[in-house]
Protein backbone atom coordinates (compact mmCIF):
# COMPACT_ATOMS: atom_id res chain seq x y z
CA MET A 1 7.64 12.33 -22.48
CA ASP A 2 10.46 10.73 -20.54
CA LEU A 3 9.84 7.04 -20.44
CA VAL A 4 10.82 6.74 -16.81
CA LEU A 5 8.23 9.41 -15.67
CA PHE A 6 5.64 7.63 -18.10
CA TYR A 7 6.04 4.41 -16.03
CA PHE A 8 6.03 6.28 -12.78
CA LEU A 9 2.65 7.66 -13.71
CA ILE A 10 1.29 4.10 -14.81
CA LEU A 11 2.52 2.77 -11.43
CA GLY A 12 0.80 5.60 -9.57
CA PHE A 13 -2.43 5.11 -11.56
CA ALA A 14 -2.22 1.26 -10.81
CA VAL A 15 -1.70 1.84 -6.95
CA LEU A 16 -4.52 4.33 -6.83
CA MET A 17 -6.97 2.15 -8.76
CA TYR A 18 -6.07 -0.69 -6.37
CA VAL A 19 -6.50 1.43 -3.32
CA LEU A 20 -9.93 2.89 -4.54
CA LEU A 21 -11.40 -0.35 -5.82
CA ASP A 22 -9.95 -3.11 -3.62
CA GLY A 23 -10.06 -0.76 -0.83
CA PHE A 24 -13.86 -0.80 -0.62
CA ASP A 25 -14.31 -4.47 -0.79
CA LEU A 26 -11.47 -4.90 1.89
CA GLY A 27 -13.51 -2.31 3.73
CA VAL A 28 -16.67 -4.31 3.59
CA GLY A 29 -14.71 -7.33 5.06
CA ILE A 30 -13.31 -4.85 7.89
CA LEU A 31 -16.91 -3.81 8.71
CA TYR A 32 -18.31 -7.48 8.69
CA PRO A 33 -18.36 -8.05 12.49
CA TRP A 34 -20.59 -4.90 12.86
CA PHE A 35 -23.35 -6.52 10.92
CA ASP A 36 -24.61 -9.40 13.17
CA GLN A 37 -27.54 -10.82 11.41
CA THR A 38 -26.90 -13.76 8.95
CA GLY A 39 -29.04 -12.11 6.28
CA GLU A 40 -27.07 -8.72 6.56
CA ARG A 41 -23.82 -10.50 6.21
CA ASP A 42 -25.07 -12.50 3.26
CA HIS A 43 -26.06 -9.07 1.74
CA LEU A 44 -22.63 -7.71 2.29
CA MET A 45 -20.95 -10.72 0.62
CA ARG A 46 -23.33 -10.40 -2.40
CA SER A 47 -22.50 -6.74 -2.70
CA ILE A 48 -18.78 -7.46 -3.67
CA SER A 49 -19.16 -10.90 -5.10
CA HIS A 50 -18.92 -9.84 -8.62
CA VAL A 51 -15.95 -7.32 -8.09
CA TRP A 52 -13.63 -8.44 -5.41
CA ASP A 53 -11.39 -10.71 -7.55
CA GLY A 54 -11.31 -8.15 -10.49
CA ASN A 55 -10.38 -5.39 -8.06
CA GLU A 56 -7.23 -7.33 -7.20
CA THR A 57 -6.15 -7.23 -10.72
CA TRP A 58 -4.67 -3.82 -10.18
CA LEU A 59 -2.42 -5.06 -7.43
CA VAL A 60 -0.95 -7.57 -9.70
CA PHE A 61 -0.64 -5.14 -12.46
CA GLY A 62 1.14 -2.55 -10.22
CA GLY A 63 3.42 -5.25 -8.97
CA VAL A 64 4.32 -6.19 -12.65
CA VAL A 65 5.11 -2.48 -13.52
CA LEU A 66 7.19 -2.05 -10.41
CA PHE A 67 9.14 -5.29 -11.26
CA ALA A 68 9.59 -4.56 -14.87
CA ALA A 69 10.06 -0.86 -15.04
CA PHE A 70 11.75 -0.28 -11.49
CA PRO A 71 13.59 -3.41 -10.68
CA ALA A 72 15.95 -1.92 -8.08
CA ALA A 73 12.96 -0.30 -6.18
CA TYR A 74 11.27 -3.77 -6.44
CA ALA A 75 14.20 -5.71 -5.02
CA GLY A 76 14.69 -3.15 -2.26
CA ILE A 77 11.07 -3.02 -1.09
CA LEU A 78 10.53 -6.78 -1.27
CA SER A 79 13.72 -7.53 0.62
CA THR A 80 13.04 -4.94 3.31
CA PHE A 81 9.17 -5.76 3.77
CA TYR A 82 9.39 -9.39 3.10
CA LEU A 83 7.44 -10.46 6.26
CA PRO A 84 4.57 -7.82 5.97
CA ILE A 85 4.22 -8.53 2.26
CA ILE A 86 4.02 -12.25 2.62
CA LEU A 87 1.58 -11.72 5.57
CA MET A 88 -0.48 -9.64 3.32
CA LEU A 89 -0.51 -12.09 0.47
CA PHE A 90 -1.53 -14.93 2.72
CA ALA A 91 -4.29 -12.83 4.11
CA LEU A 92 -5.59 -11.89 0.68
CA ILE A 93 -5.51 -15.67 -0.23
CA PHE A 94 -7.24 -16.75 3.01
CA ARG A 95 -9.95 -14.12 2.49
CA GLY A 96 -10.43 -15.25 -1.07
CA VAL A 97 -10.82 -18.91 0.06
CA ALA A 98 -13.23 -17.98 2.93
CA PHE A 99 -15.33 -15.95 0.40
CA GLU A 100 -15.96 -18.88 -1.68
CA TYR A 101 -16.42 -21.46 1.09
CA ARG A 102 -18.65 -19.28 3.28
CA PHE A 103 -21.48 -19.80 0.59
CA LYS A 104 -21.18 -23.37 0.77
CA ALA A 105 -20.67 -23.89 4.46
CA ASP A 106 -23.39 -24.58 7.11
CA ARG A 107 -22.03 -25.38 10.46
CA SER A 108 -18.57 -24.10 9.80
CA ARG A 109 -19.86 -20.71 8.38
CA PRO A 110 -18.86 -18.73 11.58
CA TYR A 111 -15.40 -19.73 10.98
CA TRP A 112 -15.31 -18.66 7.45
CA ASP A 113 -16.99 -15.36 8.45
CA PHE A 114 -14.05 -14.70 10.89
CA ALA A 115 -11.52 -15.75 8.18
CA PHE A 116 -12.91 -13.37 5.77
CA SER A 117 -13.07 -10.44 8.23
CA ALA A 118 -9.65 -11.20 9.58
CA GLY A 119 -8.12 -11.63 6.19
CA SER A 120 -9.57 -8.13 5.02
CA ALA A 121 -8.40 -6.39 8.17
CA THR A 122 -4.86 -8.02 8.08
CA ALA A 123 -4.38 -7.10 4.45
CA ALA A 124 -5.31 -3.50 4.99
CA PHE A 125 -3.21 -3.24 8.04
CA CYS A 126 -0.13 -4.63 6.32
CA GLN A 127 -0.43 -2.25 3.47
CA GLY A 128 -0.50 0.57 5.87
CA LEU A 129 2.51 -0.71 7.60
CA ILE A 130 4.45 -0.90 4.32
CA LEU A 131 3.22 2.51 3.41
CA GLY A 132 4.18 4.19 6.62
CA SER A 133 7.59 2.60 6.66
CA ILE A 134 8.39 3.74 3.00
CA VAL A 135 7.33 7.23 4.02
CA GLN A 136 9.48 7.00 7.10
CA GLY A 137 12.42 6.04 4.98
CA VAL A 138 14.30 2.75 4.68
CA ASN A 139 17.77 1.63 3.98
CA ALA A 140 17.57 -2.08 2.77
CA ASN A 141 21.49 -2.25 2.82
CA HIS A 142 21.68 -1.40 6.56
CA ILE A 143 18.62 -3.38 7.96
CA PRO A 144 19.32 -7.01 9.37
CA LEU A 145 17.16 -9.69 7.92
CA ASP A 146 15.60 -10.29 11.34
CA SER A 147 14.85 -6.49 11.87
CA TRP A 148 11.41 -5.35 12.87
CA TYR A 149 12.25 -1.86 11.56
CA TRP A 150 8.87 -1.67 9.62
CA LEU A 151 6.94 -2.01 12.84
CA SER A 152 7.56 1.42 14.10
CA PRO A 153 5.01 3.55 15.85
CA PHE A 154 4.47 5.68 12.69
CA ALA A 155 3.94 2.61 10.56
CA ILE A 156 1.48 1.28 13.03
CA LEU A 157 -0.41 4.40 12.96
CA THR A 158 -0.56 4.38 9.36
CA GLY A 159 -1.53 0.67 9.30
CA PHE A 160 -4.62 1.52 11.44
CA SER A 161 -5.35 4.61 9.44
CA VAL A 162 -5.38 2.57 6.21
CA MET A 163 -7.80 0.13 7.81
CA ALA A 164 -10.05 2.93 8.90
CA GLY A 165 -9.79 4.44 5.45
CA TYR A 166 -10.91 1.26 3.65
CA ALA A 167 -13.59 0.74 6.22
CA LEU A 168 -14.85 4.34 5.27
CA LEU A 169 -14.72 3.25 1.63
CA GLY A 170 -16.67 0.14 2.41
CA ALA A 171 -19.19 1.85 4.40
CA SER A 172 -19.87 4.53 1.77
CA TYR A 173 -20.15 1.70 -0.99
CA LEU A 174 -22.66 -0.30 1.22
CA TYR A 175 -24.64 2.97 1.59
CA MET A 176 -24.71 3.26 -2.12
CA LYS A 177 -25.76 -0.47 -2.90
CA SER A 178 -28.10 -1.12 -0.04
CA ARG A 179 -31.53 -0.28 1.32
CA GLY A 180 -33.25 -0.16 4.66
CA ARG A 181 -31.44 -1.08 7.83
CA ILE A 182 -28.22 -2.04 6.19
CA GLN A 183 -28.03 1.43 4.39
CA GLN A 184 -28.84 3.34 7.75
CA HIS A 185 -26.21 1.34 9.53
CA ALA A 186 -23.72 1.88 6.94
CA ALA A 187 -24.33 5.64 7.06
CA HIS A 188 -24.01 5.64 10.81
CA LEU A 189 -20.52 3.84 10.60
CA ALA A 190 -19.51 5.94 7.64
CA LYS A 191 -19.93 9.08 9.82
CA ARG A 192 -17.94 7.82 12.56
CA LEU A 193 -15.26 6.74 10.35
CA LEU A 194 -15.11 9.74 8.35
CA LEU A 195 -14.23 11.71 11.52
CA GLY A 196 -11.60 9.29 12.41
CA VAL A 197 -10.09 9.25 9.02
CA MET A 198 -9.82 13.00 8.84
CA VAL A 199 -8.08 13.12 12.24
CA ALA A 200 -5.83 10.22 11.24
CA MET A 201 -4.95 12.03 8.12
CA LEU A 202 -4.09 15.25 9.98
CA ILE A 203 -1.90 13.45 12.55
CA VAL A 204 -0.06 11.44 9.84
CA SER A 205 0.59 14.49 7.73
CA LEU A 206 1.75 16.63 10.73
CA TRP A 207 4.04 13.63 12.01
CA THR A 208 5.51 13.39 8.48
CA VAL A 209 6.12 17.10 8.00
CA LEU A 210 7.59 17.39 11.48
CA SER A 211 9.83 14.40 11.21
CA SER A 212 11.31 15.02 7.72
CA ASP A 213 13.23 18.20 6.80
CA ASP A 214 12.97 17.50 3.04
CA ILE A 215 9.14 16.88 3.10
CA ARG A 216 8.67 20.07 5.36
CA GLU A 217 10.68 22.15 2.90
CA ARG A 218 8.77 20.65 -0.09
CA TRP A 219 5.50 21.88 1.38
CA PHE A 220 6.54 25.07 3.12
CA ALA A 221 9.56 26.62 1.46
CA GLY A 222 9.07 29.89 -0.29
CA GLY A 223 5.52 30.01 -1.39
CA ASN A 224 4.97 26.19 -1.93
CA PHE A 225 2.07 25.90 0.58
CA LEU A 226 0.17 28.60 -1.34
CA TYR A 227 0.11 26.24 -4.49
CA LEU A 228 -0.34 22.99 -2.56
CA SER A 229 -3.01 24.19 -0.13
CA PRO A 230 -5.80 23.15 -2.46
CA LEU A 231 -4.96 19.42 -1.65
CA PRO A 232 -5.86 19.73 2.24
CA LEU A 233 -8.60 22.32 1.55
CA LEU A 234 -10.44 20.07 -1.18
CA SER A 235 -9.99 17.06 1.24
CA ALA A 236 -11.89 19.07 4.00
CA LEU A 237 -14.49 20.08 1.45
CA PHE A 238 -15.13 16.60 0.25
CA ALA A 239 -15.25 15.38 3.97
CA VAL A 240 -18.17 17.95 4.65
CA LEU A 241 -19.90 17.02 1.46
CA ALA A 242 -19.61 13.25 2.17
CA TRP A 243 -21.07 13.87 5.61
CA LYS A 244 -24.16 15.64 4.31
CA GLY A 245 -24.47 13.10 1.58
CA LEU A 246 -24.78 10.36 4.01
CA SER A 247 -28.04 11.73 4.82
CA ASP A 248 -29.28 12.13 1.22
CA THR A 249 -31.23 9.03 -0.02
CA VAL A 250 -31.70 10.51 -3.39
CA HIS A 251 -28.18 10.91 -4.48
CA GLU A 252 -26.71 7.83 -2.69
CA ILE A 253 -23.63 7.58 -5.02
CA ARG A 254 -22.20 10.82 -4.01
CA PRO A 255 -20.69 9.78 -0.61
CA PHE A 256 -18.65 7.19 -2.30
CA TRP A 257 -17.25 9.55 -4.91
CA TYR A 258 -16.41 12.06 -2.15
CA VAL A 259 -14.64 9.64 -0.06
CA ALA A 260 -12.86 8.43 -3.34
CA GLY A 261 -11.88 12.02 -3.77
CA ILE A 262 -10.32 12.25 -0.37
CA PHE A 263 -8.19 9.21 -1.08
CA THR A 264 -7.13 10.63 -4.41
CA LEU A 265 -6.09 13.97 -2.89
CA GLY A 266 -4.24 12.25 -0.12
CA PHE A 267 -2.40 10.11 -2.73
CA ALA A 268 -1.58 13.27 -4.66
CA GLY A 269 -0.25 14.63 -1.37
CA LEU A 270 1.84 11.62 -0.88
CA VAL A 271 3.43 11.99 -4.34
CA VAL A 272 4.22 15.60 -3.88
CA SER A 273 5.92 14.78 -0.60
CA LEU A 274 8.11 11.94 -2.07
CA PHE A 275 8.72 12.66 -5.81
CA PRO A 276 11.09 11.83 -7.47
CA TYR A 277 11.86 9.11 -4.92
CA LEU A 278 10.45 5.63 -4.78
CA ILE A 279 12.44 4.85 -1.70
CA PRO A 280 12.89 8.32 0.17
CA ASN A 281 16.31 9.87 0.01
CA GLN A 282 17.85 6.73 -1.60
CA LEU A 283 16.37 5.75 -4.97
CA THR A 284 14.80 8.06 -7.33
CA ILE A 285 12.70 6.74 -10.24
CA TRP A 286 15.54 7.40 -12.70
CA ASP A 287 18.13 5.50 -10.38
CA ALA A 288 15.52 2.51 -9.98
CA ALA A 289 14.57 2.40 -13.72
CA ALA A 290 15.38 -0.52 -16.13
CA PRO A 291 17.26 0.20 -19.30
CA ASP A 292 15.79 2.14 -22.02
CA SER A 293 15.48 -0.87 -24.24
CA SER A 294 13.36 -2.69 -21.58
CA LEU A 295 11.21 0.26 -21.12
CA THR A 296 10.76 0.78 -24.82
CA PHE A 297 9.80 -2.99 -25.21
CA LEU A 298 7.31 -2.89 -22.24
CA VAL A 299 5.29 -0.06 -23.89
CA VAL A 300 3.60 -2.55 -26.12
CA GLY A 301 2.15 -4.56 -23.18
CA ILE A 302 1.06 -1.34 -21.36
CA VAL A 303 -0.72 -0.13 -24.34
CA ILE A 304 -2.54 -3.44 -24.79
CA PHE A 305 -3.36 -4.30 -21.21
CA ILE A 306 -4.41 -1.06 -19.57
CA PRO A 307 -7.28 -0.50 -21.96
CA LEU A 308 -8.45 -4.16 -21.52
CA ILE A 309 -8.31 -3.88 -17.75
CA LEU A 310 -10.09 -0.69 -17.76
CA ALA A 311 -12.76 -2.03 -20.26
CA TYR A 312 -13.39 -5.15 -18.13
CA THR A 313 -13.65 -3.10 -15.04
CA LEU A 314 -16.11 -0.54 -16.39
CA TRP A 315 -18.20 -3.27 -18.01
CA GLY A 316 -18.24 -5.27 -14.76
CA TYR A 317 -19.48 -2.23 -12.66
CA ARG A 318 -22.01 -1.36 -15.52
CA VAL A 319 -23.53 -4.65 -15.59
CA PHE A 320 -24.00 -4.85 -11.81
CA ALA A 321 -24.93 -1.35 -11.34
CA GLY A 322 -27.80 -0.53 -8.92
CA LYS A 323 -28.91 -2.02 -5.61
CA VAL A 324 -28.01 -5.36 -4.29
CA GLU A 325 -30.98 -7.80 -4.43
CA ASP A 326 -30.99 -10.50 -1.83
CA TYR A 327 -31.50 -13.44 -4.10
CA GLN A 328 -29.98 -16.83 -3.27
CA GLU A 329 -28.16 -16.90 -6.68
CA GLY A 330 -26.84 -13.36 -6.39
CA TYR A 331 -28.09 -10.15 -8.19
């Protein structure tokens, strides 16, 4: 296999793992204000206390792969989206600090609650902004340093769409991990969010197709749509199954997997639309790739670290499988 294509697949895998895993714990933070009792908020915090920091490993790993394997894309993306990226990182840091301090605080707990929720929402929104701006197309060489190009209507729409999507992941995760009133409330929120996310996906997809001749041709030229139609059709099917699953208290894990499937199919649609570009219409994966000698050297680290990260992730979720128990020391 072409080494450049191999690293593109590794980068895509890292991004997808981050979105699915850190997406649900960011989603729990976004939903935080909709659970108003102290005991419920304690429960939400405990539900992600053992995974939130490990989930962010995939963001770091993806950044390392982008920097090492595709340095030209790394430089272009970071220089263009400097402000939203810095804001996202500060939000993630602030969220992590709030997470740890909240358990120790007494009188200041409401402030840390706000910091946790605001940090989660801000990080998710910034990720959506960056995604929307990349899909829309950027030219780092012709954008002034003080430009707010990334704050376009389309990027704002994708920012709120990602927030809603993460909240849906979080609600389906809480449905899987909780009991009683919290589970019922999570199901209620998840159904509303599911409708909103599907509508947002439809609007974003139509906007993208109508605003880009290349993407429209990719999907509809010749008989392409016949081959690509399983992506939207399966997304709709998973949405229906997730809706039904949110009323099933026997197979409580299924809604989360259906929602994860919707995200995976959406990610596949994004790859189909943009490949082989990392920066649309400017920089392909081969243009952005590091020299072959560097890519060959990096294979050793990839082969070592991906199995380690996967093993740690699987072990952690296996150890803490099951419902969250509301003990003071955790579960």
